[in-house]
Amino acid sequence: MRRRDFMTLLVGASGVAWPFAADAQQPARIARIGYLATNLINQGLLEAFRQGLRDLGYVEGRNVVIEYRDAQGKLEPLPALAAELVALKVDVIVASSTAAAQAAKQATAVIPIVFATVPDPVATGLVTSLARPGGNVTGLSNLNADLVGKCLEYLTQAVPRVSRVAVLWQPGAFGERTEKEMLQAAAAAARALGIQLQFVEARDPADIDKAFSEITGARADALTVLVSGMLLGERRRLVDLAGRNRLPVIYTFRELVDAGGLMSYGPSLDGLFRRAASYVDKILKGTKPADLPVEQPTKLELVINLKTAHALGLTVPPTLVARADQVIE
C-alpha cells in the first residue's frame, strides 16, 4: 500500500485525521550502542556483555539497539568501522580490544567510549590515568602486561625440563609501548627462569600456520600466547595446532583452556565484558566517562586441563594442581 493511501485510511470518511499517537504516552528513548569488535567470532564475550545489559534492564530491540561492527580478526578495517559508528551517532561505543579502542578514540572525541579489555590504557594513550581517565574514554584493564612473567613461571613448573619457549603474539594488537613492555617482561622472566625465548609473530589469521612451522622448526619445548582479540577468535585452531605438535601451552585467558588448551592464568574475560555493561549503563544515565575510573580485575585464575596434559603425556606436579583455581579432568 502506498503511503498516501495509508494516510487516507487514517483520515477516514469524516475528513478528520485522528492524532492516534498524540494522546498516547511518549515511548521511552531507545539507547543506541556501537559495538566495535576486533573479532565478532568471540560470541561468548558478546553474550557476556549482552547479559550484563539484561541484568541492568536493557532488552535488545525494546529499549536498546546495538550496532555491530566486526574487523574479522584484522586491524586494518577498525578505523573505517569506528567512523561508521560515529556517523550513526550512537550514544556510546564499546570497544572489545586495545586496537578497537584506539580506532574509536581517533574517530571521535565526543561520543563516550568504553573499552572492555586493555592491558595498559595509560601507556596506549587512551586515558590520562586510571583514577581520572579524562576525555571521553574509560573502561576495564585486563593486566596482560603484568601476567607474562607469571605465565612463564607456571609453564616451567608444569614442564620442569623446558629450556626453550616460544612466545606467539600479534603486532599492533596492544599498542606499541604496551607491546614493548610485554616483550621486555617476557625476556626478563626468561632470564630469571633460565630459559630461552623465541618470539613469533602472527599479524592476522593467515599467519598462524606459518607461525607454528617456525615454532616447531626451532624445536621449542613449550609455548605461551599473548592472547589478542584475533588469537582468541582463533582459539580452536591454536589448540588444535598445539595438540598436533605436542606443545604444552599456557594462555592468559581460560577460554582457550575450555577449548582444550593446557593452562591459563589471568582474569575472567566474561567478567570484564559483563562489567563493561555497567559502564555503559552509567554513561547512558548521564555520568561522564572522565568521571568513571578504569577498573582492574581483582581476581586472577589459574586453570589447568588435566585431560590435555594426559594427551600430551605430561604429568603436572601435584603442588601446581593444588594451586589451581579450577582443574578440568
C-alpha atoms as a PDB file:
ATOM      1  CA  MET A   1       0.000   0.000   0.000  1.00  0.00           C
ATOM      2  CA  ARG A   2       1.316   3.446  -0.855  1.00  0.00           C
ATOM      3  CA  ARG A   3       1.945   5.873   1.989  1.00  0.00           C
ATOM      4  CA  ARG A   4      -0.647   8.333   0.569  1.00  0.00           C
ATOM      5  CA  ASP A   5      -3.331   5.617   0.556  1.00  0.00           C
ATOM      6  CA  PHE A   6      -2.413   4.646   4.116  1.00  0.00           C
ATOM      7  CA  MET A   7      -2.797   8.237   5.296  1.00  0.00           C
ATOM      8  CA  THR A   8      -6.171   8.457   3.537  1.00  0.00           C
ATOM      9  CA  LEU A   9      -7.410   5.491   5.576  1.00  0.00           C
ATOM     10  CA  LEU A  10      -6.299   7.212   8.754  1.00  0.00           C
ATOM     11  CA  VAL A  11      -8.242  10.375   7.837  1.00  0.00           C
ATOM     12  CA  GLY A  12     -11.444   8.372   7.309  1.00  0.00           C
ATOM     13  CA  ALA A  13     -14.851   9.377   5.975  1.00  0.00           C
ATOM     14  CA  SER A  14     -15.275  12.364   8.292  1.00  0.00           C
ATOM     15  CA  GLY A  15     -12.178  14.015   6.850  1.00  0.00           C
ATOM     16  CA  VAL A  16     -10.619  14.281  10.315  1.00  0.00           C
ATOM     17  CA  ALA A  17      -7.126  12.895  10.832  1.00  0.00           C
ATOM     18  CA  TRP A  18      -7.095  11.365  14.309  1.00  0.00           C
ATOM     19  CA  PRO A  19      -3.808  12.076  16.105  1.00  0.00           C
ATOM     20  CA  PHE A  20      -3.620   8.498  17.408  1.00  0.00           C
ATOM     21  CA  ALA A  21      -0.207   8.988  18.981  1.00  0.00           C
ATOM     22  CA  ALA A  22      -0.790  12.396  20.484  1.00  0.00           C
ATOM     23  CA  ASP A  23      -2.773  11.185  23.479  1.00  0.00           C
ATOM     24  CA  ALA A  24      -0.598   8.138  23.994  1.00  0.00           C
ATOM     25  CA  GLN A  25       2.304   8.194  26.410  1.00  0.00           C
ATOM     26  CA  GLN A  26       5.526   9.068  24.640  1.00  0.00           C
ATOM     27  CA  PRO A  27       7.742   5.970  24.415  1.00  0.00           C
ATOM     28  CA  ALA A  28      10.997   5.877  26.343  1.00  0.00           C
ATOM     29  CA  ARG A  29      14.026   6.818  24.305  1.00  0.00           C
ATOM     30  CA  ILE A  30      15.832   3.829  22.811  1.00  0.00           C
ATOM     31  CA  ALA A  31      19.546   3.852  23.534  1.00  0.00           C
ATOM     32  CA  ARG A  32      21.892   3.054  20.682  1.00  0.00           C
ATOM     33  CA  ILE A  33      25.190   1.320  21.418  1.00  0.00           C
ATOM     34  CA  GLY A  34      28.021   0.785  18.942  1.00  0.00           C
ATOM     35  CA  TYR A  35      29.916  -2.478  19.465  1.00  0.00           C
ATOM     36  CA  LEU A  36      33.313  -2.406  17.745  1.00  0.00           C
ATOM     37  CA  ALA A  37      34.943  -5.844  17.712  1.00  0.00           C
ATOM     38  CA  THR A  38      38.328  -6.985  16.510  1.00  0.00           C
ATOM     39  CA  ASN A  39      36.732 -10.373  16.043  1.00  0.00           C
ATOM     40  CA  LEU A  40      32.987 -10.872  16.495  1.00  0.00           C
ATOM     41  CA  ILE A  41      33.517 -14.642  16.384  1.00  0.00           C
ATOM     42  CA  ASN A  42      34.148 -14.340  20.138  1.00  0.00           C
ATOM     43  CA  GLN A  43      30.416 -14.800  20.737  1.00  0.00           C
ATOM     44  CA  GLY A  44      30.869 -15.786  24.381  1.00  0.00           C
ATOM     45  CA  LEU A  45      32.224 -12.348  25.217  1.00  0.00           C
ATOM     46  CA  LEU A  46      29.482 -10.610  23.281  1.00  0.00           C
ATOM     47  CA  GLU A  47      26.896 -12.690  25.123  1.00  0.00           C
ATOM     48  CA  ALA A  48      28.519 -11.785  28.456  1.00  0.00           C
ATOM     49  CA  PHE A  49      28.139  -8.102  27.558  1.00  0.00           C
ATOM     50  CA  ARG A  50      24.517  -8.630  26.499  1.00  0.00           C
ATOM     51  CA  GLN A  51      23.819 -10.478  29.746  1.00  0.00           C
ATOM     52  CA  GLY A  52      25.307  -7.581  31.677  1.00  0.00           C
ATOM     53  CA  LEU A  53      22.917  -5.261  29.867  1.00  0.00           C
ATOM     54  CA  ARG A  54      19.938  -7.544  30.558  1.00  0.00           C
ATOM     55  CA  ASP A  55      20.834  -7.641  34.252  1.00  0.00           C
ATOM     56  CA  LEU A  56      20.555  -3.839  34.222  1.00  0.00           C
ATOM     57  CA  GLY A  57      17.183  -3.818  32.483  1.00  0.00           C
ATOM     58  CA  TYR A  58      18.228  -3.331  28.866  1.00  0.00           C
ATOM     59  CA  VAL A  59      16.492  -5.548  26.336  1.00  0.00           C
ATOM     60  CA  GLU A  60      17.863  -5.515  22.811  1.00  0.00           C
ATOM     61  CA  GLY A  61      15.165  -4.412  20.371  1.00  0.00           C
ATOM     62  CA  ARG A  62      12.994  -2.954  23.129  1.00  0.00           C
ATOM     63  CA  ASN A  63      14.917  -0.199  24.883  1.00  0.00           C
ATOM     64  CA  VAL A  64      18.375  -0.611  23.363  1.00  0.00           C
ATOM     65  CA  VAL A  65      19.739  -1.140  19.858  1.00  0.00           C
ATOM     66  CA  ILE A  66      23.270  -2.447  19.310  1.00  0.00           C
ATOM     67  CA  GLU A  67      25.096  -1.625  16.098  1.00  0.00           C
ATOM     68  CA  TYR A  68      27.740  -4.307  15.476  1.00  0.00           C
ATOM     69  CA  ARG A  69      30.936  -3.797  13.518  1.00  0.00           C
ATOM     70  CA  ASP A  70      33.389  -6.688  13.020  1.00  0.00           C
ATOM     71  CA  ALA A  71      37.007  -6.415  11.790  1.00  0.00           C
ATOM     72  CA  GLN A  72      37.125 -10.225  11.412  1.00  0.00           C
ATOM     73  CA  GLY A  73      40.456 -10.629  13.176  1.00  0.00           C
ATOM     74  CA  LYS A  74      42.258  -7.891  11.226  1.00  0.00           C
ATOM     75  CA  LEU A  75      43.374  -4.494  12.489  1.00  0.00           C
ATOM     76  CA  GLU A  76      43.257  -2.500   9.250  1.00  0.00           C
ATOM     77  CA  PRO A  77      39.418  -2.209   8.977  1.00  0.00           C
ATOM     78  CA  LEU A  78      38.960  -0.829  12.502  1.00  0.00           C
ATOM     79  CA  PRO A  79      39.290   2.929  11.736  1.00  0.00           C
ATOM     80  CA  ALA A  80      36.672   2.770   8.973  1.00  0.00           C
ATOM     81  CA  LEU A  81      34.328   0.695  11.134  1.00  0.00           C
ATOM     82  CA  ALA A  82      34.715   3.158  14.011  1.00  0.00           C
ATOM     83  CA  ALA A  83      33.898   6.014  11.623  1.00  0.00           C
ATOM     84  CA  GLU A  84      30.704   4.210  10.596  1.00  0.00           C
ATOM     85  CA  LEU A  85      29.567   4.050  14.221  1.00  0.00           C
ATOM     86  CA  VAL A  86      30.337   7.732  14.712  1.00  0.00           C
ATOM     87  CA  ALA A  87      28.328   8.573  11.597  1.00  0.00           C
ATOM     88  CA  LEU A  88      25.367   6.678  13.075  1.00  0.00           C
ATOM     89  CA  LYS A  89      25.577   8.980  16.130  1.00  0.00           C
ATOM     90  CA  VAL A  90      25.467   6.134  18.627  1.00  0.00           C
ATOM     91  CA  ASP A  91      25.216   7.106  22.299  1.00  0.00           C
ATOM     92  CA  VAL A  92      28.279   5.099  23.353  1.00  0.00           C
ATOM     93  CA  ILE A  93      30.867   2.871  21.674  1.00  0.00           C
ATOM     94  CA  VAL A  94      32.009  -0.364  23.307  1.00  0.00           C
ATOM     95  CA  ALA A  95      35.465  -1.427  22.111  1.00  0.00           C
ATOM     96  CA  SER A  96      36.405  -5.089  22.534  1.00  0.00           C
ATOM     97  CA  SER A  97      40.186  -4.595  22.409  1.00  0.00           C
ATOM     98  CA  THR A  98      43.035  -2.087  22.567  1.00  0.00           C
ATOM     99  CA  ALA A  99      43.136  -1.652  18.793  1.00  0.00           C
ATOM    100  CA  ALA A 100      39.364  -1.155  18.647  1.00  0.00           C
ATOM    101  CA  ALA A 101      39.503   1.425  21.441  1.00  0.00           C
ATOM    102  CA  GLN A 102      42.321   3.310  19.706  1.00  0.00           C
ATOM    103  CA  ALA A 103      40.376   3.366  16.445  1.00  0.00           C
ATOM    104  CA  ALA A 104      37.268   4.636  18.246  1.00  0.00           C
ATOM    105  CA  LYS A 105      39.203   7.374  20.021  1.00  0.00           C
ATOM    106  CA  GLN A 106      40.725   8.524  16.736  1.00  0.00           C
ATOM    107  CA  ALA A 107      37.233   8.652  15.227  1.00  0.00           C
ATOM    108  CA  THR A 108      35.586  10.771  17.935  1.00  0.00           C
ATOM    109  CA  ALA A 109      36.432  12.995  20.881  1.00  0.00           C
ATOM    110  CA  VAL A 110      32.757  13.445  21.775  1.00  0.00           C
ATOM    111  CA  ILE A 111      30.959  10.084  21.844  1.00  0.00           C
ATOM    112  CA  PRO A 112      31.744   8.140  25.063  1.00  0.00           C
ATOM    113  CA  ILE A 113      33.902   5.034  24.583  1.00  0.00           C
ATOM    114  CA  VAL A 114      34.063   2.029  26.927  1.00  0.00           C
ATOM    115  CA  PHE A 115      36.860  -0.487  26.400  1.00  0.00           C
ATOM    116  CA  ALA A 116      36.344  -3.989  27.750  1.00  0.00           C
ATOM    117  CA  THR A 117      39.915  -5.334  27.866  1.00  0.00           C
ATOM    118  CA  VAL A 118      43.023  -3.170  27.537  1.00  0.00           C
ATOM    119  CA  PRO A 119      46.304  -4.186  29.207  1.00  0.00           C
ATOM    120  CA  ASP A 120      47.630  -0.665  29.799  1.00  0.00           C
ATOM    121  CA  PRO A 121      45.214   2.137  28.844  1.00  0.00           C
ATOM    122  CA  VAL A 122      47.611   4.824  30.105  1.00  0.00           C
ATOM    123  CA  ALA A 123      50.576   3.590  28.044  1.00  0.00           C
ATOM    124  CA  THR A 124      48.412   3.356  24.933  1.00  0.00           C
ATOM    125  CA  GLY A 125      47.195   6.936  25.401  1.00  0.00           C
ATOM    126  CA  LEU A 126      43.541   6.023  25.871  1.00  0.00           C
ATOM    127  CA  VAL A 127      43.276   7.644  29.309  1.00  0.00           C
ATOM    128  CA  THR A 128      45.300  10.147  31.320  1.00  0.00           C
ATOM    129  CA  SER A 129      45.297   7.977  34.444  1.00  0.00           C
ATOM    130  CA  LEU A 130      43.353   5.011  35.817  1.00  0.00           C
ATOM    131  CA  ALA A 131      41.748   7.082  38.586  1.00  0.00           C
ATOM    132  CA  ARG A 132      40.970  10.085  36.370  1.00  0.00           C
ATOM    133  CA  PRO A 133      40.620   8.960  32.771  1.00  0.00           C
ATOM    134  CA  GLY A 134      39.883  12.407  31.327  1.00  0.00           C
ATOM    135  CA  GLY A 135      38.337  12.829  27.910  1.00  0.00           C
ATOM    136  CA  ASN A 136      35.670  10.528  26.509  1.00  0.00           C
ATOM    137  CA  VAL A 137      37.252   7.118  27.158  1.00  0.00           C
ATOM    138  CA  THR A 138      37.155   4.709  30.120  1.00  0.00           C
ATOM    139  CA  GLY A 139      36.681   1.011  30.781  1.00  0.00           C
ATOM    140  CA  LEU A 140      38.406  -2.085  32.126  1.00  0.00           C
ATOM    141  CA  SER A 141      42.030  -3.205  32.160  1.00  0.00           C
ATOM    142  CA  ASN A 142      42.998  -6.886  31.940  1.00  0.00           C
ATOM    143  CA  LEU A 143      46.587  -6.541  33.250  1.00  0.00           C
ATOM    144  CA  ASN A 144      48.104  -8.567  30.410  1.00  0.00           C
ATOM    145  CA  ALA A 145      51.459  -6.797  30.565  1.00  0.00           C
ATOM    146  CA  ASP A 146      51.890  -7.872  34.193  1.00  0.00           C
ATOM    147  CA  LEU A 147      50.977 -11.502  33.566  1.00  0.00           C
ATOM    148  CA  VAL A 148      53.638 -12.561  31.066  1.00  0.00           C
ATOM    149  CA  GLY A 149      56.284 -13.383  33.652  1.00  0.00           C
ATOM    150  CA  LYS A 150      53.870 -15.300  35.875  1.00  0.00           C
ATOM    151  CA  CYS A 151      52.629 -17.343  32.915  1.00  0.00           C
ATOM    152  CA  LEU A 152      56.194 -18.353  32.077  1.00  0.00           C
ATOM    153  CA  GLU A 153      56.803 -19.279  35.701  1.00  0.00           C
ATOM    154  CA  TYR A 154      53.742 -21.542  35.809  1.00  0.00           C
ATOM    155  CA  LEU A 155      54.721 -23.077  32.470  1.00  0.00           C
ATOM    156  CA  THR A 156      58.185 -24.039  33.733  1.00  0.00           C
ATOM    157  CA  GLN A 157      56.580 -25.599  36.810  1.00  0.00           C
ATOM    158  CA  ALA A 158      54.227 -27.656  34.650  1.00  0.00           C
ATOM    159  CA  VAL A 159      57.019 -28.685  32.249  1.00  0.00           C
ATOM    160  CA  PRO A 160      60.107 -28.899  34.521  1.00  0.00           C
ATOM    161  CA  ARG A 161      62.619 -29.775  31.775  1.00  0.00           C
ATOM    162  CA  VAL A 162      61.598 -26.952  29.446  1.00  0.00           C
ATOM    163  CA  SER A 163      64.530 -24.936  28.092  1.00  0.00           C
ATOM    164  CA  ARG A 164      63.150 -23.123  25.028  1.00  0.00           C
ATOM    165  CA  VAL A 165      59.746 -21.413  24.989  1.00  0.00           C
ATOM    166  CA  ALA A 166      58.101 -19.740  22.019  1.00  0.00           C
ATOM    167  CA  VAL A 167      56.066 -16.549  22.522  1.00  0.00           C
ATOM    168  CA  LEU A 168      53.270 -16.059  19.982  1.00  0.00           C
ATOM    169  CA  TRP A 169      51.898 -12.516  19.644  1.00  0.00           C
ATOM    170  CA  GLN A 170      50.083 -10.202  17.243  1.00  0.00           C
ATOM    171  CA  PRO A 171      51.978  -6.980  16.471  1.00  0.00           C
ATOM    172  CA  GLY A 172      49.766  -3.917  16.663  1.00  0.00           C
ATOM    173  CA  ALA A 173      47.134  -5.507  18.868  1.00  0.00           C
ATOM    174  CA  PHE A 174      48.078  -3.830  22.160  1.00  0.00           C
ATOM    175  CA  GLY A 175      49.780  -0.574  21.229  1.00  0.00           C
ATOM    176  CA  GLU A 176      53.497  -0.032  20.659  1.00  0.00           C
ATOM    177  CA  ARG A 177      54.507   0.904  24.210  1.00  0.00           C
ATOM    178  CA  THR A 178      52.488  -1.904  25.831  1.00  0.00           C
ATOM    179  CA  GLU A 179      53.873  -4.471  23.413  1.00  0.00           C
ATOM    180  CA  LYS A 180      57.407  -3.344  24.163  1.00  0.00           C
ATOM    181  CA  GLU A 181      56.758  -3.683  27.895  1.00  0.00           C
ATOM    182  CA  MET A 182      55.203  -7.133  27.463  1.00  0.00           C
ATOM    183  CA  LEU A 183      58.128  -8.442  25.418  1.00  0.00           C
ATOM    184  CA  GLN A 184      60.621  -6.934  27.860  1.00  0.00           C
ATOM    185  CA  ALA A 185      58.767  -8.537  30.782  1.00  0.00           C
ATOM    186  CA  ALA A 186      58.888 -11.899  28.997  1.00  0.00           C
ATOM    187  CA  ALA A 187      62.629 -11.550  28.363  1.00  0.00           C
ATOM    188  CA  ALA A 188      63.310 -10.585  31.993  1.00  0.00           C
ATOM    189  CA  ALA A 189      61.272 -13.529  33.294  1.00  0.00           C
ATOM    190  CA  ALA A 190      63.065 -15.898  30.920  1.00  0.00           C
ATOM    191  CA  ARG A 191      66.473 -14.769  32.216  1.00  0.00           C
ATOM    192  CA  ALA A 192      65.347 -15.313  35.795  1.00  0.00           C
ATOM    193  CA  LEU A 193      63.975 -18.769  34.957  1.00  0.00           C
ATOM    194  CA  GLY A 194      66.991 -19.785  32.889  1.00  0.00           C
ATOM    195  CA  ILE A 195      65.096 -20.412  29.648  1.00  0.00           C
ATOM    196  CA  GLN A 196      65.445 -19.162  26.081  1.00  0.00           C
ATOM    197  CA  LEU A 197      62.622 -17.388  24.268  1.00  0.00           C
ATOM    198  CA  GLN A 198      61.624 -17.440  20.615  1.00  0.00           C
ATOM    199  CA  PHE A 199      59.328 -14.537  19.632  1.00  0.00           C
ATOM    200  CA  VAL A 200      56.964 -15.436  16.796  1.00  0.00           C
ATOM    201  CA  GLU A 201      54.531 -13.024  15.098  1.00  0.00           C
ATOM    202  CA  ALA A 202      51.066 -13.607  13.659  1.00  0.00           C
ATOM    203  CA  ARG A 203      49.610 -10.392  12.245  1.00  0.00           C
ATOM    204  CA  ASP A 204      46.359 -11.979  11.054  1.00  0.00           C
ATOM    205  CA  PRO A 205      44.745 -15.458  10.924  1.00  0.00           C
ATOM    206  CA  ALA A 206      46.577 -16.328   7.710  1.00  0.00           C
ATOM    207  CA  ASP A 207      49.917 -16.199   9.575  1.00  0.00           C
ATOM    208  CA  ILE A 208      49.106 -18.791  12.231  1.00  0.00           C
ATOM    209  CA  ASP A 209      50.124 -21.939  10.343  1.00  0.00           C
ATOM    210  CA  LYS A 210      53.418 -20.326   9.353  1.00  0.00           C
ATOM    211  CA  ALA A 211      53.993 -19.268  12.976  1.00  0.00           C
ATOM    212  CA  PHE A 212      53.627 -22.851  14.177  1.00  0.00           C
ATOM    213  CA  SER A 213      56.029 -24.020  11.488  1.00  0.00           C
ATOM    214  CA  GLU A 214      58.586 -21.545  12.860  1.00  0.00           C
ATOM    215  CA  ILE A 215      57.940 -22.720  16.413  1.00  0.00           C
ATOM    216  CA  THR A 216      58.332 -26.421  15.663  1.00  0.00           C
ATOM    217  CA  GLY A 217      61.229 -25.765  13.285  1.00  0.00           C
ATOM    218  CA  ALA A 218      63.150 -24.104  16.111  1.00  0.00           C
ATOM    219  CA  ARG A 219      62.331 -27.083  18.379  1.00  0.00           C
ATOM    220  CA  ALA A 220      60.551 -25.097  21.085  1.00  0.00           C
ATOM    221  CA  ASP A 221      59.666 -27.201  24.149  1.00  0.00           C
ATOM    222  CA  ALA A 222      56.573 -25.164  25.009  1.00  0.00           C
ATOM    223  CA  LEU A 223      54.605 -22.077  24.057  1.00  0.00           C
ATOM    224  CA  THR A 224      52.967 -19.068  25.668  1.00  0.00           C
ATOM    225  CA  VAL A 225      50.439 -16.953  23.773  1.00  0.00           C
ATOM    226  CA  LEU A 226      49.903 -13.241  24.343  1.00  0.00           C
ATOM    227  CA  VAL A 227      46.220 -13.504  23.546  1.00  0.00           C
ATOM    228  CA  SER A 228      44.759 -10.727  21.386  1.00  0.00           C
ATOM    229  CA  GLY A 229      41.230 -10.476  20.001  1.00  0.00           C
ATOM    230  CA  MET A 230      42.350 -12.170  16.804  1.00  0.00           C
ATOM    231  CA  LEU A 231      44.164 -15.008  18.564  1.00  0.00           C
ATOM    232  CA  LEU A 232      41.227 -15.501  20.921  1.00  0.00           C
ATOM    233  CA  GLY A 233      38.961 -15.846  17.909  1.00  0.00           C
ATOM    234  CA  GLU A 234      41.334 -18.480  16.520  1.00  0.00           C
ATOM    235  CA  ARG A 235      41.481 -20.400  19.812  1.00  0.00           C
ATOM    236  CA  ARG A 236      40.248 -23.748  18.496  1.00  0.00           C
ATOM    237  CA  ARG A 237      42.794 -23.597  15.708  1.00  0.00           C
ATOM    238  CA  LEU A 238      45.572 -22.704  18.162  1.00  0.00           C
ATOM    239  CA  VAL A 239      44.611 -25.544  20.485  1.00  0.00           C
ATOM    240  CA  ASP A 240      44.436 -27.993  17.589  1.00  0.00           C
ATOM    241  CA  LEU A 241      47.861 -26.981  16.257  1.00  0.00           C
ATOM    242  CA  ALA A 242      49.390 -27.177  19.725  1.00  0.00           C
ATOM    243  CA  GLY A 243      47.936 -30.657  20.215  1.00  0.00           C
ATOM    244  CA  ARG A 244      49.106 -31.914  16.825  1.00  0.00           C
ATOM    245  CA  ASN A 245      52.610 -30.634  17.531  1.00  0.00           C
ATOM    246  CA  ARG A 246      52.509 -31.885  21.149  1.00  0.00           C
ATOM    247  CA  LEU A 247      53.281 -28.440  22.541  1.00  0.00           C
ATOM    248  CA  PRO A 248      52.376 -27.558  26.146  1.00  0.00           C
ATOM    249  CA  VAL A 249      50.871 -24.046  26.073  1.00  0.00           C
ATOM    250  CA  ILE A 250      49.868 -21.505  28.684  1.00  0.00           C
ATOM    251  CA  TYR A 251      47.438 -18.727  27.736  1.00  0.00           C
ATOM    252  CA  THR A 252      46.273 -15.583  29.516  1.00  0.00           C
ATOM    253  CA  PHE A 253      42.567 -16.434  29.268  1.00  0.00           C
ATOM    254  CA  ARG A 254      40.683 -19.557  30.308  1.00  0.00           C
ATOM    255  CA  GLU A 255      38.548 -19.575  27.157  1.00  0.00           C
ATOM    256  CA  LEU A 256      41.461 -21.315  25.439  1.00  0.00           C
ATOM    257  CA  VAL A 257      41.643 -23.950  28.170  1.00  0.00           C
ATOM    258  CA  ASP A 258      37.906 -24.533  27.839  1.00  0.00           C
ATOM    259  CA  ALA A 259      38.617 -25.103  24.137  1.00  0.00           C
ATOM    260  CA  GLY A 260      41.163 -27.791  25.036  1.00  0.00           C
ATOM    261  CA  GLY A 261      44.304 -25.811  25.896  1.00  0.00           C
ATOM    262  CA  LEU A 262      46.609 -26.920  28.708  1.00  0.00           C
ATOM    263  CA  MET A 263      46.762 -23.964  31.103  1.00  0.00           C
ATOM    264  CA  SER A 264      45.788 -20.340  31.587  1.00  0.00           C
ATOM    265  CA  TYR A 265      46.479 -17.642  34.123  1.00  0.00           C
ATOM    266  CA  GLY A 266      44.650 -14.334  34.091  1.00  0.00           C
ATOM    267  CA  PRO A 267      41.344 -12.556  34.690  1.00  0.00           C
ATOM    268  CA  SER A 268      37.906 -13.698  33.568  1.00  0.00           C
ATOM    269  CA  LEU A 269      37.105 -12.193  30.175  1.00  0.00           C
ATOM    270  CA  ASP A 270      33.408 -12.926  30.685  1.00  0.00           C
ATOM    271  CA  GLY A 271      33.542 -10.928  33.901  1.00  0.00           C
ATOM    272  CA  LEU A 272      35.220  -7.979  32.188  1.00  0.00           C
ATOM    273  CA  PHE A 273      32.632  -7.849  29.405  1.00  0.00           C
ATOM    274  CA  ARG A 274      29.736  -8.105  31.895  1.00  0.00           C
ATOM    275  CA  ARG A 275      31.253  -5.224  33.861  1.00  0.00           C
ATOM    276  CA  ALA A 276      31.561  -3.173  30.672  1.00  0.00           C
ATOM    277  CA  ALA A 277      27.759  -3.145  30.559  1.00  0.00           C
ATOM    278  CA  SER A 278      27.678  -1.331  33.914  1.00  0.00           C
ATOM    279  CA  TYR A 279      29.896   1.417  32.485  1.00  0.00           C
ATOM    280  CA  VAL A 280      27.530   1.761  29.526  1.00  0.00           C
ATOM    281  CA  ASP A 281      24.565   1.980  31.904  1.00  0.00           C
ATOM    282  CA  LYS A 282      26.157   4.773  33.940  1.00  0.00           C
ATOM    283  CA  ILE A 283      27.055   6.722  30.814  1.00  0.00           C
ATOM    284  CA  LEU A 284      23.541   6.378  29.387  1.00  0.00           C
ATOM    285  CA  LYS A 285      22.235   7.730  32.698  1.00  0.00           C
ATOM    286  CA  GLY A 286      24.425  10.814  32.436  1.00  0.00           C
ATOM    287  CA  THR A 287      27.791  10.029  34.022  1.00  0.00           C
ATOM    288  CA  LYS A 288      30.756  11.321  32.027  1.00  0.00           C
ATOM    289  CA  PRO A 289      33.498   8.823  31.059  1.00  0.00           C
ATOM    290  CA  ALA A 290      36.057  11.177  32.624  1.00  0.00           C
ATOM    291  CA  ASP A 291      34.377  10.575  35.999  1.00  0.00           C
ATOM    292  CA  LEU A 292      34.470   6.759  35.753  1.00  0.00           C
ATOM    293  CA  PRO A 293      37.831   5.334  36.935  1.00  0.00           C
ATOM    294  CA  VAL A 294      39.326   2.490  34.921  1.00  0.00           C
ATOM    295  CA  GLU A 295      38.640  -0.762  36.726  1.00  0.00           C
ATOM    296  CA  GLN A 296      41.233  -3.514  37.137  1.00  0.00           C
ATOM    297  CA  PRO A 297      40.382  -7.162  37.844  1.00  0.00           C
ATOM    298  CA  THR A 298      40.586  -8.172  41.486  1.00  0.00           C
ATOM    299  CA  LYS A 299      40.891 -11.912  40.848  1.00  0.00           C
ATOM    300  CA  LEU A 300      43.282 -13.866  38.623  1.00  0.00           C
ATOM    301  CA  GLU A 301      42.621 -17.546  37.959  1.00  0.00           C
ATOM    302  CA  LEU A 302      44.957 -20.454  37.266  1.00  0.00           C
ATOM    303  CA  VAL A 303      43.096 -23.085  35.229  1.00  0.00           C
ATOM    304  CA  ILE A 304      44.629 -26.461  34.296  1.00  0.00           C
ATOM    305  CA  ASN A 305      43.227 -29.020  31.858  1.00  0.00           C
ATOM    306  CA  LEU A 306      44.444 -32.429  33.027  1.00  0.00           C
ATOM    307  CA  LYS A 307      42.791 -34.155  30.067  1.00  0.00           C
ATOM    308  CA  THR A 308      45.046 -32.172  27.767  1.00  0.00           C
ATOM    309  CA  ALA A 309      48.056 -32.856  29.984  1.00  0.00           C
ATOM    310  CA  HIS A 310      47.340 -36.588  29.727  1.00  0.00           C
ATOM    311  CA  ALA A 311      47.027 -36.369  25.942  1.00  0.00           C
ATOM    312  CA  LEU A 312      50.448 -34.665  25.832  1.00  0.00           C
ATOM    313  CA  GLY A 313      51.964 -37.334  28.072  1.00  0.00           C
ATOM    314  CA  LEU A 314      52.583 -34.655  30.694  1.00  0.00           C
ATOM    315  CA  THR A 315      52.307 -35.133  34.458  1.00  0.00           C
ATOM    316  CA  VAL A 316      51.507 -31.792  36.071  1.00  0.00           C
ATOM    317  CA  PRO A 317      53.095 -31.603  39.551  1.00  0.00           C
ATOM    318  CA  PRO A 318      50.527 -32.100  42.351  1.00  0.00           C
ATOM    319  CA  THR A 319      51.699 -28.876  44.010  1.00  0.00           C
ATOM    320  CA  LEU A 320      50.733 -26.911  40.908  1.00  0.00           C
ATOM    321  CA  VAL A 321      47.406 -28.733  40.573  1.00  0.00           C
ATOM    322  CA  ALA A 322      46.638 -27.896  44.215  1.00  0.00           C
ATOM    323  CA  ARG A 323      47.312 -24.231  43.489  1.00  0.00           C
ATOM    324  CA  ALA A 324      44.874 -24.107  40.569  1.00  0.00           C
ATOM    325  CA  ASP A 325      41.548 -22.306  40.915  1.00  0.00           C
ATOM    326  CA  GLN A 326      39.947 -24.846  38.584  1.00  0.00           C
ATOM    327  CA  VAL A 327      41.060 -28.221  37.276  1.00  0.00           C
ATOM    328  CA  ILE A 328      39.427 -29.782  34.218  1.00  0.00           C
ATOM    329  CA  GLU A 329      39.576 -33.584  34.449  1.00  0.00           C
END
